[in-house]
Amino acid sequence: MLALIALGILLLGGLTFYPEWVHRNRIAAKLEEEQAKLRAEQLLQKKREREVTLLQTDPGYVETIARDKLGLMKEGETIFRLDGTRTPAVETAPAQKKN
């Protein structure tokens, strides 16, 4: 009889705390997901801060970015692009026919 009473108390305790345990697990999983997002955003922020610092202090970096993103080149220099994803910044117009 004492074993049945103990089992009943354990069962009642389990039924009482089970929903809270499930809720806690959901919140813990959501917290972990949000912390992962936060870490990713912090890495992105550090990367952008580093780029801003380089743009403000390093003329060589500014030149590299300008040459790469804008397709700029030095006089007498020829640029060969092997990837077909970028288009030149300045395109020459085709020669017009003279009548």
PDB file of N, CA and C in Angstrom:
ATOM      1  N   MET A   1       0.814  -1.178   0.000  1.00  0.00           N
ATOM      2  CA  MET A   1       0.000   0.000   0.000  1.00  0.00           C
ATOM      3  C   MET A   1       0.875   1.265   0.000  1.00  0.00           C
ATOM      4  N   LEU A   2       1.946   1.230   0.783  1.00  0.00           N
ATOM      5  CA  LEU A   2       2.869   2.359   0.852  1.00  0.00           C
ATOM      6  C   LEU A   2       3.531   2.586  -0.509  1.00  0.00           C
ATOM      7  N   ALA A   3       3.827   1.519  -1.236  1.00  0.00           N
ATOM      8  CA  ALA A   3       4.439   1.615  -2.564  1.00  0.00           C
ATOM      9  C   ALA A   3       3.460   2.271  -3.541  1.00  0.00           C
ATOM     10  N   LEU A   4       2.179   1.949  -3.450  1.00  0.00           N
ATOM     11  CA  LEU A   4       1.187   2.558  -4.336  1.00  0.00           C
ATOM     12  C   LEU A   4       1.035   4.053  -4.039  1.00  0.00           C
ATOM     13  N   ILE A   5       1.087   4.427  -2.792  1.00  0.00           N
ATOM     14  CA  ILE A   5       1.002   5.843  -2.428  1.00  0.00           C
ATOM     15  C   ILE A   5       2.223   6.587  -2.961  1.00  0.00           C
ATOM     16  N   ALA A   6       3.398   6.017  -2.812  1.00  0.00           N
ATOM     17  CA  ALA A   6       4.626   6.630  -3.313  1.00  0.00           C
ATOM     18  C   ALA A   6       4.575   6.745  -4.836  1.00  0.00           C
ATOM     19  N   LEU A   7       4.084   5.686  -5.495  1.00  0.00           N
ATOM     20  CA  LEU A   7       3.965   5.712  -6.951  1.00  0.00           C
ATOM     21  C   LEU A   7       2.963   6.771  -7.382  1.00  0.00           C
ATOM     22  N   GLY A   8       1.864   6.908  -6.661  1.00  0.00           N
ATOM     23  CA  GLY A   8       0.866   7.934  -6.963  1.00  0.00           C
ATOM     24  C   GLY A   8       1.439   9.335  -6.808  1.00  0.00           C
ATOM     25  N   ILE A   9       2.218   9.554  -5.772  1.00  0.00           N
ATOM     26  CA  ILE A   9       2.836  10.866  -5.551  1.00  0.00           C
ATOM     27  C   ILE A   9       3.838  11.169  -6.662  1.00  0.00           C
ATOM     28  N   LEU A  10       4.616  10.171  -7.041  1.00  0.00           N
ATOM     29  CA  LEU A  10       5.578  10.366  -8.136  1.00  0.00           C
ATOM     30  C   LEU A  10       4.860  10.650  -9.456  1.00  0.00           C
ATOM     31  N   LEU A  11       3.779   9.933  -9.706  1.00  0.00           N
ATOM     32  CA  LEU A  11       3.014  10.137 -10.928  1.00  0.00           C
ATOM     33  C   LEU A  11       2.387  11.528 -10.940  1.00  0.00           C
ATOM     34  N   LEU A  12       1.828  11.950  -9.818  1.00  0.00           N
ATOM     35  CA  LEU A  12       1.241  13.271  -9.709  1.00  0.00           C
ATOM     36  C   LEU A  12       2.306  14.358  -9.901  1.00  0.00           C
ATOM     37  N   GLY A  13       3.457  14.153  -9.299  1.00  0.00           N
ATOM     38  CA  GLY A  13       4.566  15.099  -9.478  1.00  0.00           C
ATOM     39  C   GLY A  13       5.036  15.151 -10.921  1.00  0.00           C
ATOM     40  N   GLY A  14       5.110  13.987 -11.539  1.00  0.00           N
ATOM     41  CA  GLY A  14       5.534  13.936 -12.945  1.00  0.00           C
ATOM     42  C   GLY A  14       4.550  14.642 -13.853  1.00  0.00           C
ATOM     43  N   LEU A  15       3.264  14.415 -13.641  1.00  0.00           N
ATOM     44  CA  LEU A  15       2.247  15.071 -14.460  1.00  0.00           C
ATOM     45  C   LEU A  15       2.210  16.576 -14.227  1.00  0.00           C
ATOM     46  N   THR A  16       2.536  16.987 -13.036  1.00  0.00           N
ATOM     47  CA  THR A  16       2.546  18.414 -12.721  1.00  0.00           C
ATOM     48  C   THR A  16       3.737  19.123 -13.375  1.00  0.00           C
ATOM     49  N   PHE A  17       4.905  18.514 -13.342  1.00  0.00           N
ATOM     50  CA  PHE A  17       6.101  19.176 -13.837  1.00  0.00           C
ATOM     51  C   PHE A  17       6.438  18.878 -15.297  1.00  0.00           C
ATOM     52  N   TYR A  18       5.793  17.879 -15.910  1.00  0.00           N
ATOM     53  CA  TYR A  18       6.103  17.529 -17.299  1.00  0.00           C
ATOM     54  C   TYR A  18       5.857  18.695 -18.260  1.00  0.00           C
ATOM     55  N   PRO A  19       4.694  19.374 -18.219  1.00  0.00           N
ATOM     56  CA  PRO A  19       4.505  20.508 -19.149  1.00  0.00           C
ATOM     57  C   PRO A  19       5.562  21.602 -18.967  1.00  0.00           C
ATOM     58  N   GLU A  20       5.944  21.860 -17.736  1.00  0.00           N
ATOM     59  CA  GLU A  20       6.977  22.858 -17.493  1.00  0.00           C
ATOM     60  C   GLU A  20       8.330  22.410 -18.037  1.00  0.00           C
ATOM     61  N   TRP A  21       8.607  21.136 -17.929  1.00  0.00           N
ATOM     62  CA  TRP A  21       9.864  20.586 -18.447  1.00  0.00           C
ATOM     63  C   TRP A  21       9.906  20.707 -19.965  1.00  0.00           C
ATOM     64  N   VAL A  22       8.778  20.391 -20.635  1.00  0.00           N
ATOM     65  CA  VAL A  22       8.704  20.516 -22.091  1.00  0.00           C
ATOM     66  C   VAL A  22       8.866  21.979 -22.501  1.00  0.00           C
ATOM     67  N   HIS A  23       8.188  22.868 -21.783  1.00  0.00           N
ATOM     68  CA  HIS A  23       8.283  24.299 -22.072  1.00  0.00           C
ATOM     69  C   HIS A  23       9.721  24.801 -21.891  1.00  0.00           C
ATOM     70  N   ARG A  24      10.383  24.344 -20.841  1.00  0.00           N
ATOM     71  CA  ARG A  24      11.770  24.726 -20.600  1.00  0.00           C
ATOM     72  C   ARG A  24      12.675  24.259 -21.729  1.00  0.00           C
ATOM     73  N   ASN A  25      12.454  23.039 -22.218  1.00  0.00           N
ATOM     74  CA  ASN A  25      13.270  22.515 -23.320  1.00  0.00           C
ATOM     75  C   ASN A  25      13.068  23.324 -24.599  1.00  0.00           C
ATOM     76  N   ARG A  26      11.822  23.729 -24.854  1.00  0.00           N
ATOM     77  CA  ARG A  26      11.557  24.557 -26.040  1.00  0.00           C
ATOM     78  C   ARG A  26      12.269  25.903 -25.918  1.00  0.00           C
ATOM     79  N   ILE A  27      12.183  26.498 -24.752  1.00  0.00           N
ATOM     80  CA  ILE A  27      12.835  27.793 -24.540  1.00  0.00           C
ATOM     81  C   ILE A  27      14.354  27.654 -24.652  1.00  0.00           C
ATOM     82  N   ALA A  28      14.901  26.575 -24.118  1.00  0.00           N
ATOM     83  CA  ALA A  28      16.355  26.356 -24.207  1.00  0.00           C
ATOM     84  C   ALA A  28      16.789  26.188 -25.660  1.00  0.00           C
ATOM     85  N   ALA A  29      15.986  25.474 -26.464  1.00  0.00           N
ATOM     86  CA  ALA A  29      16.320  25.291 -27.879  1.00  0.00           C
ATOM     87  C   ALA A  29      16.248  26.627 -28.616  1.00  0.00           C
ATOM     88  N   LYS A  30      15.214  27.415 -28.311  1.00  0.00           N
ATOM     89  CA  LYS A  30      15.087  28.730 -28.956  1.00  0.00           C
ATOM     90  C   LYS A  30      16.227  29.647 -28.534  1.00  0.00           C
ATOM     91  N   LEU A  31      16.630  29.587 -27.278  1.00  0.00           N
ATOM     92  CA  LEU A  31      17.750  30.391 -26.798  1.00  0.00           C
ATOM     93  C   LEU A  31      19.029  30.028 -27.540  1.00  0.00           C
ATOM     94  N   GLU A  32      19.283  28.755 -27.718  1.00  0.00           N
ATOM     95  CA  GLU A  32      20.482  28.315 -28.439  1.00  0.00           C
ATOM     96  C   GLU A  32      20.453  28.811 -29.886  1.00  0.00           C
ATOM     97  N   GLU A  33      19.286  28.757 -30.504  1.00  0.00           N
ATOM     98  CA  GLU A  33      19.145  29.238 -31.883  1.00  0.00           C
ATOM     99  C   GLU A  33      19.411  30.742 -31.959  1.00  0.00           C
ATOM    100  N   GLU A  34      18.867  31.491 -31.026  1.00  0.00           N
ATOM    101  CA  GLU A  34      19.078  32.940 -31.012  1.00  0.00           C
ATOM    102  C   GLU A  34      20.537  33.285 -30.712  1.00  0.00           C
ATOM    103  N   GLN A  35      21.184  32.510 -29.861  1.00  0.00           N
ATOM    104  CA  GLN A  35      22.605  32.753 -29.579  1.00  0.00           C
ATOM    105  C   GLN A  35      23.456  32.480 -30.820  1.00  0.00           C
ATOM    106  N   ALA A  36      23.087  31.466 -31.595  1.00  0.00           N
ATOM    107  CA  ALA A  36      23.815  31.183 -32.837  1.00  0.00           C
ATOM    108  C   ALA A  36      23.648  32.343 -33.823  1.00  0.00           C
ATOM    109  N   LYS A  37      22.434  32.886 -33.913  1.00  0.00           N
ATOM    110  CA  LYS A  37      22.208  34.044 -34.779  1.00  0.00           C
ATOM    111  C   LYS A  37      23.024  35.234 -34.304  1.00  0.00           C
ATOM    112  N   LEU A  38      23.065  35.430 -32.993  1.00  0.00           N
ATOM    113  CA  LEU A  38      23.832  36.538 -32.425  1.00  0.00           C
ATOM    114  C   LEU A  38      25.318  36.402 -32.753  1.00  0.00           C
ATOM    115  N   ARG A  39      25.857  35.186 -32.611  1.00  0.00           N
ATOM    116  CA  ARG A  39      27.280  34.969 -32.932  1.00  0.00           C
ATOM    117  C   ARG A  39      27.551  35.272 -34.407  1.00  0.00           C
ATOM    118  N   ALA A  40      26.637  34.854 -35.288  1.00  0.00           N
ATOM    119  CA  ALA A  40      26.812  35.122 -36.717  1.00  0.00           C
ATOM    120  C   ALA A  40      26.779  36.626 -36.991  1.00  0.00           C
ATOM    121  N   GLU A  41      25.871  37.333 -36.353  1.00  0.00           N
ATOM    122  CA  GLU A  41      25.780  38.779 -36.536  1.00  0.00           C
ATOM    123  C   GLU A  41      27.012  39.481 -35.969  1.00  0.00           C
ATOM    124  N   GLN A  42      27.540  38.997 -34.859  1.00  0.00           N
ATOM    125  CA  GLN A  42      28.744  39.597 -34.282  1.00  0.00           C
ATOM    126  C   GLN A  42      29.941  39.400 -35.204  1.00  0.00           C
ATOM    127  N   LEU A  43      30.045  38.230 -35.835  1.00  0.00           N
ATOM    128  CA  LEU A  43      31.128  37.999 -36.794  1.00  0.00           C
ATOM    129  C   LEU A  43      31.000  38.931 -37.987  1.00  0.00           C
ATOM    130  N   LEU A  44      29.779  39.107 -38.474  1.00  0.00           N
ATOM    131  CA  LEU A  44      29.548  40.008 -39.593  1.00  0.00           C
ATOM    132  C   LEU A  44      29.888  41.445 -39.206  1.00  0.00           C
ATOM    133  N   GLN A  45      29.525  41.839 -37.999  1.00  0.00           N
ATOM    134  CA  GLN A  45      29.832  43.189 -37.525  1.00  0.00           C
ATOM    135  C   GLN A  45      31.349  43.403 -37.446  1.00  0.00           C
ATOM    136  N   LYS A  46      32.077  42.426 -36.918  1.00  0.00           N
ATOM    137  CA  LYS A  46      33.543  42.547 -36.836  1.00  0.00           C
ATOM    138  C   LYS A  46      34.152  42.669 -38.226  1.00  0.00           C
ATOM    139  N   LYS A  47      33.641  41.879 -39.170  1.00  0.00           N
ATOM    140  CA  LYS A  47      34.149  41.925 -40.539  1.00  0.00           C
ATOM    141  C   LYS A  47      33.917  43.300 -41.140  1.00  0.00           C
ATOM    142  N   ARG A  48      32.719  43.838 -40.943  1.00  0.00           N
ATOM    143  CA  ARG A  48      32.411  45.159 -41.504  1.00  0.00           C
ATOM    144  C   ARG A  48      33.198  46.266 -40.813  1.00  0.00           C
ATOM    145  N   GLU A  49      33.398  46.158 -39.502  1.00  0.00           N
ATOM    146  CA  GLU A  49      34.208  47.151 -38.792  1.00  0.00           C
ATOM    147  C   GLU A  49      35.639  47.133 -39.303  1.00  0.00           C
ATOM    148  N   ARG A  50      36.162  45.935 -39.551  1.00  0.00           N
ATOM    149  CA  ARG A  50      37.525  45.813 -40.085  1.00  0.00           C
ATOM    150  C   ARG A  50      37.612  46.440 -41.464  1.00  0.00           C
ATOM    151  N   GLU A  51      36.587  46.207 -42.288  1.00  0.00           N
ATOM    152  CA  GLU A  51      36.602  46.784 -43.630  1.00  0.00           C
ATOM    153  C   GLU A  51      36.519  48.310 -43.569  1.00  0.00           C
ATOM    154  N   VAL A  52      35.694  48.854 -42.679  1.00  0.00           N
ATOM    155  CA  VAL A  52      35.595  50.310 -42.523  1.00  0.00           C
ATOM    156  C   VAL A  52      36.943  50.871 -42.082  1.00  0.00           C
ATOM    157  N   THR A  53      37.581  50.208 -41.124  1.00  0.00           N
ATOM    158  CA  THR A  53      38.892  50.665 -40.656  1.00  0.00           C
ATOM    159  C   THR A  53      39.906  50.656 -41.791  1.00  0.00           C
ATOM    160  N   LEU A  54      39.916  49.587 -42.582  1.00  0.00           N
ATOM    161  CA  LEU A  54      40.848  49.521 -43.709  1.00  0.00           C
ATOM    162  C   LEU A  54      40.544  50.596 -44.742  1.00  0.00           C
ATOM    163  N   LEU A  55      39.271  50.834 -45.017  1.00  0.00           N
ATOM    164  CA  LEU A  55      38.909  51.868 -45.988  1.00  0.00           C
ATOM    165  C   LEU A  55      39.324  53.260 -45.509  1.00  0.00           C
ATOM    166  N   GLN A  56      39.296  53.486 -44.203  1.00  0.00           N
ATOM    167  CA  GLN A  56      39.654  54.796 -43.657  1.00  0.00           C
ATOM    168  C   GLN A  56      41.157  54.985 -43.520  1.00  0.00           C
ATOM    169  N   THR A  57      41.913  53.901 -43.362  1.00  0.00           N
ATOM    170  CA  THR A  57      43.335  54.057 -43.034  1.00  0.00           C
ATOM    171  C   THR A  57      44.300  53.495 -44.069  1.00  0.00           C
ATOM    172  N   ASP A  58      43.868  52.621 -44.957  1.00  0.00           N
ATOM    173  CA  ASP A  58      44.795  51.934 -45.859  1.00  0.00           C
ATOM    174  C   ASP A  58      44.506  52.283 -47.321  1.00  0.00           C
ATOM    175  N   PRO A  59      45.315  53.179 -47.902  1.00  0.00           N
ATOM    176  CA  PRO A  59      45.086  53.554 -49.305  1.00  0.00           C
ATOM    177  C   PRO A  59      45.255  52.371 -50.263  1.00  0.00           C
ATOM    178  N   GLY A  60      46.121  51.454 -49.923  1.00  0.00           N
ATOM    179  CA  GLY A  60      46.306  50.274 -50.773  1.00  0.00           C
ATOM    180  C   GLY A  60      45.052  49.421 -50.831  1.00  0.00           C
ATOM    181  N   TYR A  61      44.359  49.311 -49.719  1.00  0.00           N
ATOM    182  CA  TYR A  61      43.114  48.543 -49.683  1.00  0.00           C
ATOM    183  C   TYR A  61      42.042  49.238 -50.520  1.00  0.00           C
ATOM    184  N   VAL A  62      41.977  50.571 -50.407  1.00  0.00           N
ATOM    185  CA  VAL A  62      41.000  51.330 -51.202  1.00  0.00           C
ATOM    186  C   VAL A  62      41.283  51.129 -52.687  1.00  0.00           C
ATOM    187  N   GLU A  63      42.552  51.155 -53.063  1.00  0.00           N
ATOM    188  CA  GLU A  63      42.922  50.943 -54.465  1.00  0.00           C
ATOM    189  C   GLU A  63      42.521  49.544 -54.921  1.00  0.00           C
ATOM    190  N   THR A  64      42.782  48.555 -54.083  1.00  0.00           N
ATOM    191  CA  THR A  64      42.425  47.181 -54.430  1.00  0.00           C
ATOM    192  C   THR A  64      40.923  47.035 -54.626  1.00  0.00           C
ATOM    193  N   ILE A  65      40.143  47.612 -53.735  1.00  0.00           N
ATOM    194  CA  ILE A  65      38.682  47.535 -53.851  1.00  0.00           C
ATOM    195  C   ILE A  65      38.211  48.256 -55.104  1.00  0.00           C
ATOM    196  N   ALA A  66      38.744  49.434 -55.357  1.00  0.00           N
ATOM    197  CA  ALA A  66      38.350  50.199 -56.539  1.00  0.00           C
ATOM    198  C   ALA A  66      38.693  49.439 -57.815  1.00  0.00           C
ATOM    199  N   ARG A  67      39.863  48.859 -57.843  1.00  0.00           N
ATOM    200  CA  ARG A  67      40.276  48.127 -59.039  1.00  0.00           C
ATOM    201  C   ARG A  67      39.427  46.879 -59.237  1.00  0.00           C
ATOM    202  N   ASP A  68      39.072  46.218 -58.149  1.00  0.00           N
ATOM    203  CA  ASP A  68      38.311  44.978 -58.253  1.00  0.00           C
ATOM    204  C   ASP A  68      36.831  45.235 -58.540  1.00  0.00           C
ATOM    205  N   LYS A  69      36.202  46.069 -57.741  1.00  0.00           N
ATOM    206  CA  LYS A  69      34.750  46.260 -57.854  1.00  0.00           C
ATOM    207  C   LYS A  69      34.360  47.178 -59.004  1.00  0.00           C
ATOM    208  N   LEU A  70      35.174  48.181 -59.279  1.00  0.00           N
ATOM    209  CA  LEU A  70      34.826  49.149 -60.313  1.00  0.00           C
ATOM    210  C   LEU A  70      35.497  48.851 -61.651  1.00  0.00           C
ATOM    211  N   GLY A  71      36.377  47.888 -61.663  1.00  0.00           N
ATOM    212  CA  GLY A  71      37.046  47.525 -62.907  1.00  0.00           C
ATOM    213  C   GLY A  71      38.051  48.569 -63.363  1.00  0.00           C
ATOM    214  N   LEU A  72      38.593  49.343 -62.431  1.00  0.00           N
ATOM    215  CA  LEU A  72      39.567  50.367 -62.784  1.00  0.00           C
ATOM    216  C   LEU A  72      40.932  49.733 -63.036  1.00  0.00           C
ATOM    217  N   MET A  73      41.701  50.401 -63.874  1.00  0.00           N
ATOM    218  CA  MET A  73      43.039  49.895 -64.147  1.00  0.00           C
ATOM    219  C   MET A  73      43.994  51.061 -64.334  1.00  0.00           C
ATOM    220  N   LYS A  74      45.263  50.744 -64.163  1.00  0.00           N
ATOM    221  CA  LYS A  74      46.294  51.756 -64.351  1.00  0.00           C
ATOM    222  C   LYS A  74      46.556  51.918 -65.843  1.00  0.00           C
ATOM    223  N   GLU A  75      47.158  53.036 -66.185  1.00  0.00           N
ATOM    224  CA  GLU A  75      47.456  53.316 -67.579  1.00  0.00           C
ATOM    225  C   GLU A  75      48.413  52.254 -68.134  1.00  0.00           C
ATOM    226  N   GLY A  76      48.081  51.720 -69.278  1.00  0.00           N
ATOM    227  CA  GLY A  76      48.914  50.713 -69.921  1.00  0.00           C
ATOM    228  C   GLY A  76      48.722  49.312 -69.368  1.00  0.00           C
ATOM    229  N   GLU A  77      47.822  49.134 -68.451  1.00  0.00           N
ATOM    230  CA  GLU A  77      47.595  47.840 -67.823  1.00  0.00           C
ATOM    231  C   GLU A  77      46.420  47.135 -68.518  1.00  0.00           C
ATOM    232  N   THR A  78      46.517  45.833 -68.630  1.00  0.00           N
ATOM    233  CA  THR A  78      45.427  45.036 -69.196  1.00  0.00           C
ATOM    234  C   THR A  78      44.929  44.085 -68.129  1.00  0.00           C
ATOM    235  N   ILE A  79      43.614  44.036 -67.975  1.00  0.00           N
ATOM    236  CA  ILE A  79      43.010  43.168 -66.970  1.00  0.00           C
ATOM    237  C   ILE A  79      42.341  42.000 -67.669  1.00  0.00           C
ATOM    238  N   PHE A  80      42.641  40.814 -67.212  1.00  0.00           N
ATOM    239  CA  PHE A  80      42.012  39.611 -67.726  1.00  0.00           C
ATOM    240  C   PHE A  80      41.125  39.033 -66.642  1.00  0.00           C
ATOM    241  N   ARG A  81      39.856  38.883 -66.932  1.00  0.00           N
ATOM    242  CA  ARG A  81      38.905  38.301 -65.980  1.00  0.00           C
ATOM    243  C   ARG A  81      38.536  36.909 -66.494  1.00  0.00           C
ATOM    244  N   LEU A  82      38.733  35.921 -65.649  1.00  0.00           N
ATOM    245  CA  LEU A  82      38.430  34.559 -66.044  1.00  0.00           C
ATOM    246  C   LEU A  82      37.021  34.130 -65.664  1.00  0.00           C
ATOM    247  N   ASP A  83      36.420  34.826 -64.696  1.00  0.00           N
ATOM    248  CA  ASP A  83      35.053  34.476 -64.336  1.00  0.00           C
ATOM    249  C   ASP A  83      34.098  35.355 -65.136  1.00  0.00           C
ATOM    250  N   GLY A  84      33.023  34.795 -65.615  1.00  0.00           N
ATOM    251  CA  GLY A  84      32.103  35.534 -66.463  1.00  0.00           C
ATOM    252  C   GLY A  84      31.030  36.265 -65.695  1.00  0.00           C
ATOM    253  N   THR A  85      31.160  36.368 -64.372  1.00  0.00           N
ATOM    254  CA  THR A  85      30.100  36.965 -63.579  1.00  0.00           C
ATOM    255  C   THR A  85      30.170  38.482 -63.537  1.00  0.00           C
ATOM    256  N   ARG A  86      31.318  39.054 -63.749  1.00  0.00           N
ATOM    257  CA  ARG A  86      31.467  40.505 -63.662  1.00  0.00           C
ATOM    258  C   ARG A  86      31.533  41.110 -65.052  1.00  0.00           C
ATOM    259  N   THR A  87      30.970  42.287 -65.152  1.00  0.00           N
ATOM    260  CA  THR A  87      31.055  43.023 -66.401  1.00  0.00           C
ATOM    261  C   THR A  87      31.972  44.210 -66.178  1.00  0.00           C
ATOM    262  N   PRO A  88      32.646  44.667 -67.220  1.00  0.00           N
ATOM    263  CA  PRO A  88      33.528  45.817 -67.049  1.00  0.00           C
ATOM    264  C   PRO A  88      32.721  47.044 -66.657  1.00  0.00           C
ATOM    265  N   ALA A  89      33.353  47.944 -65.884  1.00  0.00           N
ATOM    266  CA  ALA A  89      32.666  49.140 -65.423  1.00  0.00           C
ATOM    267  C   ALA A  89      32.418  50.112 -66.565  1.00  0.00           C
ATOM    268  N   VAL A  90      33.370  50.201 -67.492  1.00  0.00           N
ATOM    269  CA  VAL A  90      33.241  51.113 -68.624  1.00  0.00           C
ATOM    270  C   VAL A  90      33.301  50.286 -69.893  1.00  0.00           C
ATOM    271  N   GLU A  91      32.261  50.400 -70.687  1.00  0.00           N
ATOM    272  CA  GLU A  91      32.241  49.678 -71.956  1.00  0.00           C
ATOM    273  C   GLU A  91      32.417  50.694 -73.075  1.00  0.00           C
ATOM    274  N   THR A  92      33.110  50.269 -74.113  1.00  0.00           N
ATOM    275  CA  THR A  92      33.286  51.166 -75.253  1.00  0.00           C
ATOM    276  C   THR A  92      32.127  50.954 -76.213  1.00  0.00           C
ATOM    277  N   ALA A  93      31.685  52.035 -76.811  1.00  0.00           N
ATOM    278  CA  ALA A  93      30.587  51.952 -77.769  1.00  0.00           C
ATOM    279  C   ALA A  93      31.121  51.406 -79.089  1.00  0.00           C
ATOM    280  N   PRO A  94      30.307  50.625 -79.817  1.00  0.00           N
ATOM    281  CA  PRO A  94      30.769  50.102 -81.100  1.00  0.00           C
ATOM    282  C   PRO A  94      30.968  51.243 -82.103  1.00  0.00           C
ATOM    283  N   ALA A  95      31.903  51.047 -82.990  1.00  0.00           N
ATOM    284  CA  ALA A  95      32.205  52.070 -83.999  1.00  0.00           C
ATOM    285  C   ALA A  95      30.999  52.265 -84.900  1.00  0.00           C
ATOM    286  N   GLN A  96      30.683  53.528 -85.171  1.00  0.00           N
ATOM    287  CA  GLN A  96      29.537  53.832 -86.045  1.00  0.00           C
ATOM    288  C   GLN A  96      30.015  53.918 -87.497  1.00  0.00           C
ATOM    289  N   LYS A  97      29.138  53.487 -88.398  1.00  0.00           N
ATOM    290  CA  LYS A  97      29.456  53.552 -89.827  1.00  0.00           C
ATOM    291  C   LYS A  97      29.305  54.984 -90.323  1.00  0.00           C
ATOM    292  N   LYS A  98      30.218  55.411 -91.147  1.00  0.00           N
ATOM    293  CA  LYS A  98      30.119  56.728 -91.748  1.00  0.00           C
ATOM    294  C   LYS A  98      29.571  56.565 -93.163  1.00  0.00           C
ATOM    295  N   ASN A  99      28.642  57.416 -93.506  1.00  0.00           N
ATOM    296  CA  ASN A  99      28.038  57.335 -94.851  1.00  0.00           C
ATOM    297  C   ASN A  99      28.855  58.043 -95.845  1.00  0.00           C
TER     298      ASN A  99
END
